[in-house]
């Protein structure tokens, strides 16, 4: 048996072609079965190393192209591709972020409302209806002024009655 460099090169090329062919057949089979297509899954099913697929640009491009295609067995209404699932995940993640921010805002508003209610219930806060209380204070102040003027009139009447009573007592004593 000859071990010339030319013979070794041909043997390596033939082995590489056999592995490439096996990888392409596995790629077709995975696509027909509707299974997930990745470089790792094709290499595993073909019994080759991932580096073989990465070293051969056309083989790598074929794997990536098939990975992006929808499975042929799916009907038009139920086609689900990896890209659509990734888009759904991205949309749901964004929605979760928006909902989380909304919940945070609602919790802050609830906390402020409960704090305000506790403040008012404790009697330390300003009354809820300041305008009504201000009007009531004005009415009571006016009532006080009226009562004071009545009291002043009665004091004058009492002073006049006392003066008249003193004059009468003085006349009786004489």
N, C-alpha and C. Protein backbone atom coordinates (compact mmCIF):
# COMPACT_ATOMS: atom_id res chain seq x y z
N UNK A 1 0.85 -1.17 0.00
CA UNK A 1 0.00 0.00 0.00
C UNK A 1 0.89 1.23 0.00
N UNK A 2 0.55 2.16 -0.85
CA UNK A 2 1.38 3.33 -1.00
C UNK A 2 0.83 4.45 -0.13
N UNK A 3 1.70 5.20 0.48
CA UNK A 3 1.30 6.30 1.35
C UNK A 3 1.80 7.62 0.78
N UNK A 4 1.65 7.78 -0.48
CA UNK A 4 2.12 9.01 -1.10
C UNK A 4 1.23 10.18 -0.68
N UNK A 5 1.80 11.38 -0.71
CA UNK A 5 1.01 12.55 -0.31
C UNK A 5 -0.21 12.75 -1.20
N UNK A 6 -0.09 12.38 -2.45
CA UNK A 6 -1.23 12.54 -3.36
C UNK A 6 -2.36 11.59 -2.98
N UNK A 7 -2.00 10.38 -2.62
CA UNK A 7 -3.00 9.39 -2.21
C UNK A 7 -3.70 9.84 -0.91
N UNK A 8 -2.95 10.37 0.07
CA UNK A 8 -3.54 10.86 1.32
C UNK A 8 -4.48 12.04 1.08
N UNK A 9 -4.11 12.92 0.20
CA UNK A 9 -4.95 14.07 -0.10
C UNK A 9 -6.26 13.64 -0.72
N UNK A 10 -6.18 12.64 -1.65
CA UNK A 10 -7.41 12.15 -2.27
C UNK A 10 -8.30 11.46 -1.24
N UNK A 11 -7.69 10.71 -0.32
CA UNK A 11 -8.47 10.01 0.71
C UNK A 11 -9.15 11.01 1.63
N UNK A 12 -8.44 12.06 2.00
CA UNK A 12 -9.04 13.10 2.85
C UNK A 12 -10.17 13.82 2.13
N UNK A 13 -9.98 14.12 0.87
CA UNK A 13 -11.01 14.81 0.10
C UNK A 13 -12.25 13.92 -0.03
N UNK A 14 -12.04 12.62 -0.27
CA UNK A 14 -13.17 11.70 -0.39
C UNK A 14 -13.92 11.61 0.95
N UNK A 15 -13.18 11.54 2.07
CA UNK A 15 -13.81 11.48 3.39
C UNK A 15 -14.61 12.76 3.66
N UNK A 16 -14.03 13.89 3.31
CA UNK A 16 -14.71 15.17 3.51
C UNK A 16 -15.98 15.23 2.67
N UNK A 17 -15.89 14.72 1.41
CA UNK A 17 -17.09 14.72 0.55
C UNK A 17 -18.17 13.80 1.13
N UNK A 18 -17.78 12.63 1.65
CA UNK A 18 -18.76 11.72 2.25
C UNK A 18 -19.44 12.37 3.44
N UNK A 19 -18.67 13.04 4.29
CA UNK A 19 -19.26 13.70 5.47
C UNK A 19 -20.16 14.87 5.05
N UNK A 20 -19.74 15.63 4.02
CA UNK A 20 -20.57 16.73 3.51
C UNK A 20 -21.89 16.20 2.98
N UNK A 21 -21.81 15.11 2.19
CA UNK A 21 -23.01 14.51 1.62
C UNK A 21 -23.94 14.01 2.73
N UNK A 22 -23.35 13.38 3.74
CA UNK A 22 -24.14 12.89 4.87
C UNK A 22 -24.82 14.06 5.59
N UNK A 23 -24.11 15.16 5.77
CA UNK A 23 -24.68 16.33 6.44
C UNK A 23 -25.82 16.92 5.60
N UNK A 24 -25.66 16.97 4.28
CA UNK A 24 -26.73 17.50 3.42
C UNK A 24 -27.97 16.60 3.47
N UNK A 25 -27.76 15.27 3.49
CA UNK A 25 -28.90 14.34 3.57
C UNK A 25 -29.63 14.52 4.91
N UNK A 26 -28.87 14.66 5.99
CA UNK A 26 -29.47 14.86 7.31
C UNK A 26 -30.23 16.18 7.34
N UNK A 27 -29.67 17.19 6.71
CA UNK A 27 -30.34 18.50 6.65
C UNK A 27 -31.69 18.37 5.95
N UNK A 28 -31.72 17.64 4.82
CA UNK A 28 -32.98 17.43 4.11
C UNK A 28 -33.97 16.64 4.97
N UNK A 29 -33.48 15.62 5.67
CA UNK A 29 -34.35 14.79 6.50
C UNK A 29 -34.93 15.61 7.66
N UNK A 30 -34.10 16.42 8.32
CA UNK A 30 -34.59 17.26 9.43
C UNK A 30 -35.63 18.25 8.94
N UNK A 31 -35.38 18.82 7.76
CA UNK A 31 -36.33 19.78 7.20
C UNK A 31 -37.64 19.09 6.85
N UNK A 32 -37.57 17.88 6.30
CA UNK A 32 -38.79 17.15 5.93
C UNK A 32 -39.58 16.74 7.16
N UNK A 33 -38.87 16.40 8.25
CA UNK A 33 -39.55 15.99 9.48
C UNK A 33 -40.07 17.17 10.28
N UNK A 34 -39.66 18.38 9.90
CA UNK A 34 -40.12 19.57 10.62
C UNK A 34 -39.43 19.77 11.95
N UNK A 35 -38.25 19.19 12.13
CA UNK A 35 -37.51 19.33 13.38
C UNK A 35 -36.69 20.61 13.36
N UNK A 36 -36.21 20.98 14.52
CA UNK A 36 -35.41 22.21 14.63
C UNK A 36 -34.09 22.01 13.89
N UNK A 37 -33.72 23.02 13.13
CA UNK A 37 -32.50 22.94 12.34
C UNK A 37 -31.52 23.96 12.87
N UNK A 38 -30.42 23.46 13.41
CA UNK A 38 -29.30 24.29 13.84
C UNK A 38 -28.03 23.59 13.40
N UNK A 39 -26.92 24.30 13.45
CA UNK A 39 -25.64 23.70 13.10
C UNK A 39 -25.38 22.50 13.99
N UNK A 40 -25.65 22.64 15.26
CA UNK A 40 -25.39 21.55 16.21
C UNK A 40 -26.28 20.35 15.94
N UNK A 41 -27.58 20.58 15.66
CA UNK A 41 -28.48 19.44 15.44
C UNK A 41 -28.13 18.70 14.16
N UNK A 42 -27.73 19.42 13.11
CA UNK A 42 -27.34 18.76 11.85
C UNK A 42 -26.06 17.97 12.08
N UNK A 43 -25.07 18.57 12.75
CA UNK A 43 -23.80 17.88 13.00
C UNK A 43 -24.03 16.64 13.85
N UNK A 44 -24.86 16.74 14.86
CA UNK A 44 -25.12 15.60 15.74
C UNK A 44 -25.79 14.45 14.97
N UNK A 45 -26.80 14.78 14.18
CA UNK A 45 -27.52 13.74 13.43
C UNK A 45 -26.66 13.12 12.34
N UNK A 46 -25.75 13.90 11.75
CA UNK A 46 -24.89 13.37 10.68
C UNK A 46 -23.67 12.67 11.23
N UNK A 47 -23.39 12.83 12.49
CA UNK A 47 -22.22 12.20 13.09
C UNK A 47 -20.92 12.89 12.70
N UNK A 48 -20.99 14.19 12.50
CA UNK A 48 -19.80 14.97 12.15
C UNK A 48 -19.61 16.06 13.19
N UNK A 49 -18.47 16.70 13.14
CA UNK A 49 -18.20 17.79 14.06
C UNK A 49 -18.77 19.08 13.49
N UNK A 50 -19.15 20.00 14.37
CA UNK A 50 -19.71 21.28 13.92
C UNK A 50 -18.73 22.06 13.06
N UNK A 51 -17.47 21.89 13.32
CA UNK A 51 -16.46 22.65 12.56
C UNK A 51 -16.51 22.31 11.07
N UNK A 52 -16.94 21.07 10.70
CA UNK A 52 -17.07 20.71 9.29
C UNK A 52 -18.08 21.62 8.62
N UNK A 53 -19.20 21.85 9.29
CA UNK A 53 -20.25 22.71 8.72
C UNK A 53 -19.77 24.15 8.64
N UNK A 54 -19.07 24.60 9.66
CA UNK A 54 -18.58 25.98 9.65
C UNK A 54 -17.47 26.18 8.62
N UNK A 55 -16.63 25.15 8.38
CA UNK A 55 -15.54 25.27 7.41
C UNK A 55 -16.04 25.34 5.98
N UNK A 56 -17.14 24.67 5.69
CA UNK A 56 -17.70 24.68 4.33
C UNK A 56 -18.79 25.73 4.27
N UNK A 57 -18.47 26.84 3.62
CA UNK A 57 -19.39 27.99 3.57
C UNK A 57 -20.73 27.66 2.96
N UNK A 58 -20.73 26.85 1.89
CA UNK A 58 -22.00 26.51 1.24
C UNK A 58 -22.86 25.64 2.14
N UNK A 59 -22.23 24.73 2.89
CA UNK A 59 -22.96 23.87 3.81
C UNK A 59 -23.54 24.70 4.97
N UNK A 60 -22.73 25.61 5.49
CA UNK A 60 -23.18 26.49 6.57
C UNK A 60 -24.34 27.37 6.10
N UNK A 61 -24.24 27.91 4.89
CA UNK A 61 -25.31 28.76 4.34
C UNK A 61 -26.58 27.95 4.15
N UNK A 62 -26.45 26.70 3.73
CA UNK A 62 -27.62 25.84 3.54
C UNK A 62 -28.32 25.59 4.87
N UNK A 63 -27.54 25.34 5.92
CA UNK A 63 -28.13 25.09 7.25
C UNK A 63 -28.86 26.34 7.73
N UNK A 64 -28.24 27.50 7.58
CA UNK A 64 -28.88 28.75 8.01
C UNK A 64 -30.14 29.05 7.20
N UNK A 65 -30.10 28.77 5.90
CA UNK A 65 -31.27 29.03 5.06
C UNK A 65 -32.43 28.11 5.46
N UNK A 66 -32.12 26.85 5.67
CA UNK A 66 -33.17 25.90 6.06
C UNK A 66 -33.71 26.22 7.45
N UNK A 67 -32.87 26.74 8.33
CA UNK A 67 -33.31 27.07 9.69
C UNK A 67 -34.35 28.20 9.65
N UNK A 68 -34.24 29.09 8.67
CA UNK A 68 -35.17 30.21 8.58
C UNK A 68 -36.48 29.87 7.89
N UNK A 69 -36.54 28.74 7.20
CA UNK A 69 -37.75 28.36 6.49
C UNK A 69 -38.76 27.72 7.44
N UNK A 70 -40.05 27.93 7.17
CA UNK A 70 -41.05 27.23 7.99
C UNK A 70 -41.07 25.75 7.62
N UNK A 71 -41.48 24.91 8.53
CA UNK A 71 -41.54 23.47 8.22
C UNK A 71 -42.57 23.20 7.12
N UNK A 72 -42.28 22.29 6.19
CA UNK A 72 -43.19 22.05 5.07
C UNK A 72 -44.49 21.36 5.48
N UNK A 73 -44.50 20.65 6.59
CA UNK A 73 -45.70 19.92 6.99
C UNK A 73 -46.75 20.83 7.63
N UNK A 74 -46.37 22.03 8.00
CA UNK A 74 -47.32 22.93 8.66
C UNK A 74 -48.28 23.51 7.64
N UNK A 75 -49.52 23.66 8.04
CA UNK A 75 -50.50 24.28 7.15
C UNK A 75 -50.30 25.78 7.17
N UNK A 76 -50.91 26.45 6.22
CA UNK A 76 -50.71 27.90 6.08
C UNK A 76 -51.16 28.66 7.31
N UNK A 77 -52.22 28.23 7.96
CA UNK A 77 -52.75 28.95 9.11
C UNK A 77 -52.00 28.67 10.40
N UNK A 78 -51.25 27.57 10.44
CA UNK A 78 -50.59 27.22 11.70
C UNK A 78 -49.07 27.21 11.58
N UNK A 79 -48.51 27.92 10.61
CA UNK A 79 -47.06 27.95 10.45
C UNK A 79 -46.44 28.74 11.60
N UNK A 80 -45.50 28.10 12.24
CA UNK A 80 -44.78 28.75 13.31
C UNK A 80 -43.30 28.60 13.00
N UNK A 81 -42.63 29.70 12.85
CA UNK A 81 -41.20 29.63 12.58
C UNK A 81 -40.43 30.13 13.79
N UNK A 82 -39.18 29.87 13.77
CA UNK A 82 -38.30 30.31 14.86
C UNK A 82 -38.33 31.83 14.95
N UNK A 83 -38.33 32.49 13.80
CA UNK A 83 -38.36 33.96 13.79
C UNK A 83 -39.65 34.50 14.40
N UNK A 84 -40.78 33.86 14.07
CA UNK A 84 -42.04 34.35 14.64
C UNK A 84 -42.09 34.13 16.15
N UNK A 85 -41.53 33.00 16.59
CA UNK A 85 -41.47 32.75 18.03
C UNK A 85 -40.57 33.76 18.73
N UNK A 86 -39.44 34.09 18.11
CA UNK A 86 -38.54 35.10 18.70
C UNK A 86 -39.21 36.47 18.73
N UNK A 87 -39.97 36.77 17.68
CA UNK A 87 -40.70 38.05 17.66
C UNK A 87 -41.76 38.07 18.76
N UNK A 88 -42.45 36.94 18.94
CA UNK A 88 -43.44 36.86 20.02
C UNK A 88 -42.78 37.04 21.38
N UNK A 89 -41.63 36.42 21.58
CA UNK A 89 -40.91 36.56 22.85
C UNK A 89 -40.52 38.02 23.08
N UNK A 90 -40.01 38.67 22.02
CA UNK A 90 -39.61 40.08 22.15
C UNK A 90 -40.82 40.95 22.48
N UNK A 91 -41.94 40.70 21.81
CA UNK A 91 -43.15 41.48 22.08
C UNK A 91 -43.65 41.26 23.50
N UNK A 92 -43.66 40.01 23.94
CA UNK A 92 -44.13 39.72 25.30
C UNK A 92 -43.19 40.30 26.36
N UNK A 93 -41.90 40.28 26.08
CA UNK A 93 -40.95 40.88 27.02
C UNK A 93 -41.18 42.38 27.14
N UNK A 94 -41.40 43.03 26.00
CA UNK A 94 -41.69 44.48 26.02
C UNK A 94 -43.00 44.75 26.76
N UNK A 95 -44.01 43.92 26.53
CA UNK A 95 -45.29 44.10 27.21
C UNK A 95 -45.14 43.91 28.72
N UNK A 96 -44.36 42.90 29.12
CA UNK A 96 -44.10 42.69 30.54
C UNK A 96 -43.43 43.91 31.16
N UNK A 97 -42.50 44.51 30.43
CA UNK A 97 -41.84 45.72 30.93
C UNK A 97 -42.82 46.86 31.11
N UNK A 98 -43.71 47.03 30.10
CA UNK A 98 -44.71 48.11 30.21
C UNK A 98 -45.66 47.85 31.37
N UNK A 99 -46.10 46.61 31.52
CA UNK A 99 -47.01 46.28 32.63
C UNK A 99 -46.33 46.46 33.98
N UNK A 100 -45.07 46.11 34.06
CA UNK A 100 -44.34 46.29 35.32
C UNK A 100 -44.24 47.77 35.67
N UNK A 101 -43.95 48.61 34.68
CA UNK A 101 -43.88 50.06 34.93
C UNK A 101 -45.26 50.59 35.34
N UNK A 102 -46.31 50.10 34.70
CA UNK A 102 -47.67 50.54 35.04
C UNK A 102 -48.03 50.12 36.47
N UNK A 103 -47.68 48.91 36.85
CA UNK A 103 -47.94 48.44 38.21
C UNK A 103 -47.19 49.30 39.21
N UNK A 104 -45.96 49.65 38.91
CA UNK A 104 -45.18 50.50 39.81
C UNK A 104 -45.86 51.86 39.99
N UNK A 105 -46.34 52.44 38.87
CA UNK A 105 -47.04 53.73 38.98
C UNK A 105 -48.31 53.60 39.81
N UNK A 106 -49.07 52.52 39.60
CA UNK A 106 -50.30 52.32 40.37
C UNK A 106 -50.01 52.12 41.85
N UNK A 107 -48.95 51.38 42.16
CA UNK A 107 -48.58 51.18 43.57
C UNK A 107 -48.20 52.50 44.21
N UNK A 108 -47.49 53.35 43.48
CA UNK A 108 -47.10 54.66 44.01
C UNK A 108 -48.33 55.51 44.28
N UNK A 109 -49.29 55.51 43.33
CA UNK A 109 -50.52 56.30 43.52
C UNK A 109 -51.33 55.78 44.70
N UNK A 110 -51.43 54.46 44.84
CA UNK A 110 -52.16 53.87 45.96
C UNK A 110 -51.49 54.23 47.28
N UNK A 111 -50.19 54.17 47.31
CA UNK A 111 -49.46 54.52 48.53
C UNK A 111 -49.70 55.98 48.91
N UNK A 112 -49.69 56.87 47.92
CA UNK A 112 -49.94 58.29 48.20
C UNK A 112 -51.37 58.50 48.70
N UNK A 113 -52.33 57.81 48.08
CA UNK A 113 -53.73 57.97 48.49
C UNK A 113 -53.95 57.44 49.91
N UNK A 114 -53.36 56.28 50.22
CA UNK A 114 -53.50 55.74 51.57
C UNK A 114 -52.80 56.63 52.60
N UNK A 115 -51.66 57.17 52.24
CA UNK A 115 -50.95 58.09 53.13
C UNK A 115 -51.76 59.34 53.41
N UNK A 116 -52.38 59.89 52.35
CA UNK A 116 -53.20 61.09 52.52
C UNK A 116 -54.40 60.80 53.40
N UNK A 117 -55.04 59.65 53.19
CA UNK A 117 -56.21 59.28 54.00
C UNK A 117 -55.81 59.11 55.47
N UNK A 118 -54.67 58.48 55.72
CA UNK A 118 -54.21 58.31 57.10
C UNK A 118 -53.88 59.66 57.73
N UNK A 119 -53.30 60.56 56.95
CA UNK A 119 -52.96 61.90 57.44
C UNK A 119 -54.22 62.67 57.84
N UNK A 120 -55.23 62.58 56.99
CA UNK A 120 -56.48 63.28 57.29
C UNK A 120 -57.21 62.64 58.47
N UNK A 121 -57.19 61.31 58.56
CA UNK A 121 -57.87 60.62 59.65
C UNK A 121 -57.21 60.90 60.99
N UNK A 122 -55.93 61.17 60.98
CA UNK A 122 -55.23 61.44 62.24
C UNK A 122 -55.52 62.83 62.78
N UNK A 123 -56.09 63.68 61.95
CA UNK A 123 -56.41 65.05 62.40
C UNK A 123 -55.25 66.00 62.19
N UNK A 124 -54.15 65.50 61.70
CA UNK A 124 -52.99 66.36 61.48
C UNK A 124 -53.06 67.08 60.14
N UNK A 125 -53.78 66.54 59.21
CA UNK A 125 -53.85 67.11 57.88
C UNK A 125 -54.90 68.19 57.78
N UNK A 126 -54.88 68.90 56.69
CA UNK A 126 -55.88 69.93 56.44
C UNK A 126 -57.22 69.26 56.18
N UNK A 127 -58.32 69.87 56.66
CA UNK A 127 -59.64 69.29 56.40
C UNK A 127 -59.92 69.23 54.90
N UNK A 128 -60.80 68.35 54.54
CA UNK A 128 -61.08 68.14 53.13
C UNK A 128 -61.79 69.34 52.51
N UNK A 129 -62.71 69.99 53.27
CA UNK A 129 -63.50 71.07 52.71
C UNK A 129 -63.14 72.38 53.40
N UNK A 130 -62.03 72.96 53.03
CA UNK A 130 -61.53 74.18 53.66
C UNK A 130 -62.46 75.36 53.36
N UNK A 131 -63.04 75.40 52.19
CA UNK A 131 -63.91 76.51 51.81
C UNK A 131 -65.15 76.57 52.71
N UNK A 132 -65.76 75.44 52.97
CA UNK A 132 -66.93 75.39 53.84
C UNK A 132 -66.57 75.83 55.25
N UNK A 133 -65.44 75.36 55.71
CA UNK A 133 -65.01 75.74 57.06
C UNK A 133 -64.68 77.23 57.14
N UNK A 134 -64.10 77.80 56.10
CA UNK A 134 -63.80 79.23 56.09
C UNK A 134 -65.09 80.05 56.12
N UNK A 135 -66.10 79.62 55.37
CA UNK A 135 -67.39 80.31 55.39
C UNK A 135 -68.03 80.20 56.77
N UNK A 136 -67.93 79.03 57.39
CA UNK A 136 -68.50 78.83 58.73
C UNK A 136 -67.80 79.72 59.75
N UNK A 137 -66.48 79.86 59.62
CA UNK A 137 -65.73 80.74 60.53
C UNK A 137 -66.22 82.17 60.38
N UNK A 138 -66.45 82.61 59.14
CA UNK A 138 -66.98 83.98 58.92
C UNK A 138 -68.34 84.17 59.57
N UNK A 139 -69.21 83.17 59.44
CA UNK A 139 -70.54 83.25 60.05
C UNK A 139 -70.42 83.34 61.58
N UNK A 140 -69.56 82.53 62.16
CA UNK A 140 -69.40 82.54 63.61
C UNK A 140 -68.80 83.85 64.11
N UNK A 141 -67.85 84.39 63.35
CA UNK A 141 -67.28 85.69 63.74
C UNK A 141 -68.35 86.78 63.70
N UNK A 142 -69.22 86.74 62.69
CA UNK A 142 -70.30 87.73 62.61
C UNK A 142 -71.25 87.55 63.78
N UNK A 143 -71.54 86.33 64.16
CA UNK A 143 -72.42 86.04 65.31
C UNK A 143 -71.81 86.59 66.59
N UNK A 144 -70.49 86.43 66.72
CA UNK A 144 -69.79 86.96 67.91
C UNK A 144 -69.94 88.47 67.97
N UNK A 145 -69.77 89.14 66.81
CA UNK A 145 -69.91 90.60 66.79
C UNK A 145 -71.34 91.02 67.17
N UNK A 146 -72.33 90.29 66.66
CA UNK A 146 -73.72 90.61 67.00
C UNK A 146 -73.96 90.42 68.49
N UNK A 147 -73.47 89.33 69.07
CA UNK A 147 -73.66 89.07 70.50
C UNK A 147 -72.95 90.12 71.35
N UNK A 148 -71.79 90.55 70.89
CA UNK A 148 -71.06 91.58 71.64
C UNK A 148 -71.84 92.91 71.63
N UNK A 149 -72.42 93.23 70.48
CA UNK A 149 -73.19 94.49 70.44
C UNK A 149 -74.44 94.37 71.31
N UNK A 150 -75.10 93.21 71.34
CA UNK A 150 -76.24 93.00 72.23
C UNK A 150 -75.81 93.11 73.69
N UNK A 151 -74.66 92.52 74.00
CA UNK A 151 -74.14 92.58 75.37
C UNK A 151 -73.84 94.03 75.76
N UNK A 152 -73.28 94.78 74.82
CA UNK A 152 -72.99 96.20 75.12
C UNK A 152 -74.28 96.97 75.38
N UNK A 153 -75.32 96.72 74.58
CA UNK A 153 -76.61 97.38 74.80
C UNK A 153 -77.19 97.02 76.17
N UNK A 154 -77.11 95.76 76.55
CA UNK A 154 -77.64 95.32 77.84
C UNK A 154 -76.82 95.90 78.98
N UNK A 155 -75.49 95.99 78.75
CA UNK A 155 -74.66 96.63 79.80
C UNK A 155 -75.08 98.09 79.99
N UNK A 156 -75.36 98.76 78.87
CA UNK A 156 -75.81 100.16 78.97
C UNK A 156 -77.16 100.23 79.68
N UNK A 157 -78.09 99.32 79.34
CA UNK A 157 -79.40 99.29 80.01
C UNK A 157 -79.23 99.01 81.50
N UNK A 158 -78.34 98.07 81.84
CA UNK A 158 -78.10 97.73 83.24
C UNK A 158 -77.48 98.92 83.97
N UNK A 159 -76.55 99.59 83.32
CA UNK A 159 -75.93 100.76 83.95
C UNK A 159 -76.98 101.87 84.17
N UNK A 160 -77.87 102.05 83.19
CA UNK A 160 -78.93 103.07 83.34
C UNK A 160 -79.89 102.67 84.45
N UNK A 161 -80.24 101.38 84.54
CA UNK A 161 -81.14 100.90 85.59
C UNK A 161 -80.49 101.07 86.94
N UNK A 162 -79.21 100.79 87.06
CA UNK A 162 -78.51 100.96 88.34
C UNK A 162 -78.47 102.44 88.74
N UNK A 163 -78.21 103.28 87.73
CA UNK A 163 -78.18 104.72 88.03
C UNK A 163 -79.55 105.20 88.52
N UNK A 164 -80.60 104.73 87.85
CA UNK A 164 -81.96 105.11 88.26
C UNK A 164 -82.26 104.54 89.63
N UNK A 165 -81.81 103.31 89.90
CA UNK A 165 -82.03 102.69 91.20
C UNK A 165 -81.28 103.45 92.29
N UNK A 166 -80.07 103.93 92.03
CA UNK A 166 -79.31 104.70 93.01
C UNK A 166 -80.02 106.04 93.30
N UNK A 167 -80.50 106.67 92.21
CA UNK A 167 -81.21 107.93 92.42
C UNK A 167 -82.46 107.72 93.27
N UNK A 168 -83.19 106.67 93.00
CA UNK A 168 -84.39 106.39 93.78
C UNK A 168 -84.04 106.08 95.23
N UNK A 169 -83.00 105.33 95.45
CA UNK A 169 -82.57 104.99 96.82
C UNK A 169 -82.11 106.27 97.55
N UNK A 170 -81.44 107.10 96.82
CA UNK A 170 -80.97 108.34 97.43
C UNK A 170 -82.16 109.22 97.82
N UNK A 171 -83.19 109.26 96.98
CA UNK A 171 -84.37 110.06 97.30
C UNK A 171 -85.12 109.45 98.51
N UNK A 172 -85.18 108.18 98.58
CA UNK A 172 -85.85 107.54 99.69
C UNK A 172 -85.07 107.79 101.00
N UNK A 173 -83.82 107.80 100.92
CA UNK A 173 -83.01 107.98 102.12
C UNK A 173 -83.08 109.42 102.59
N UNK A 174 -83.44 110.34 101.85
CA UNK A 174 -83.50 111.73 102.29
C UNK A 174 -84.78 111.98 102.92
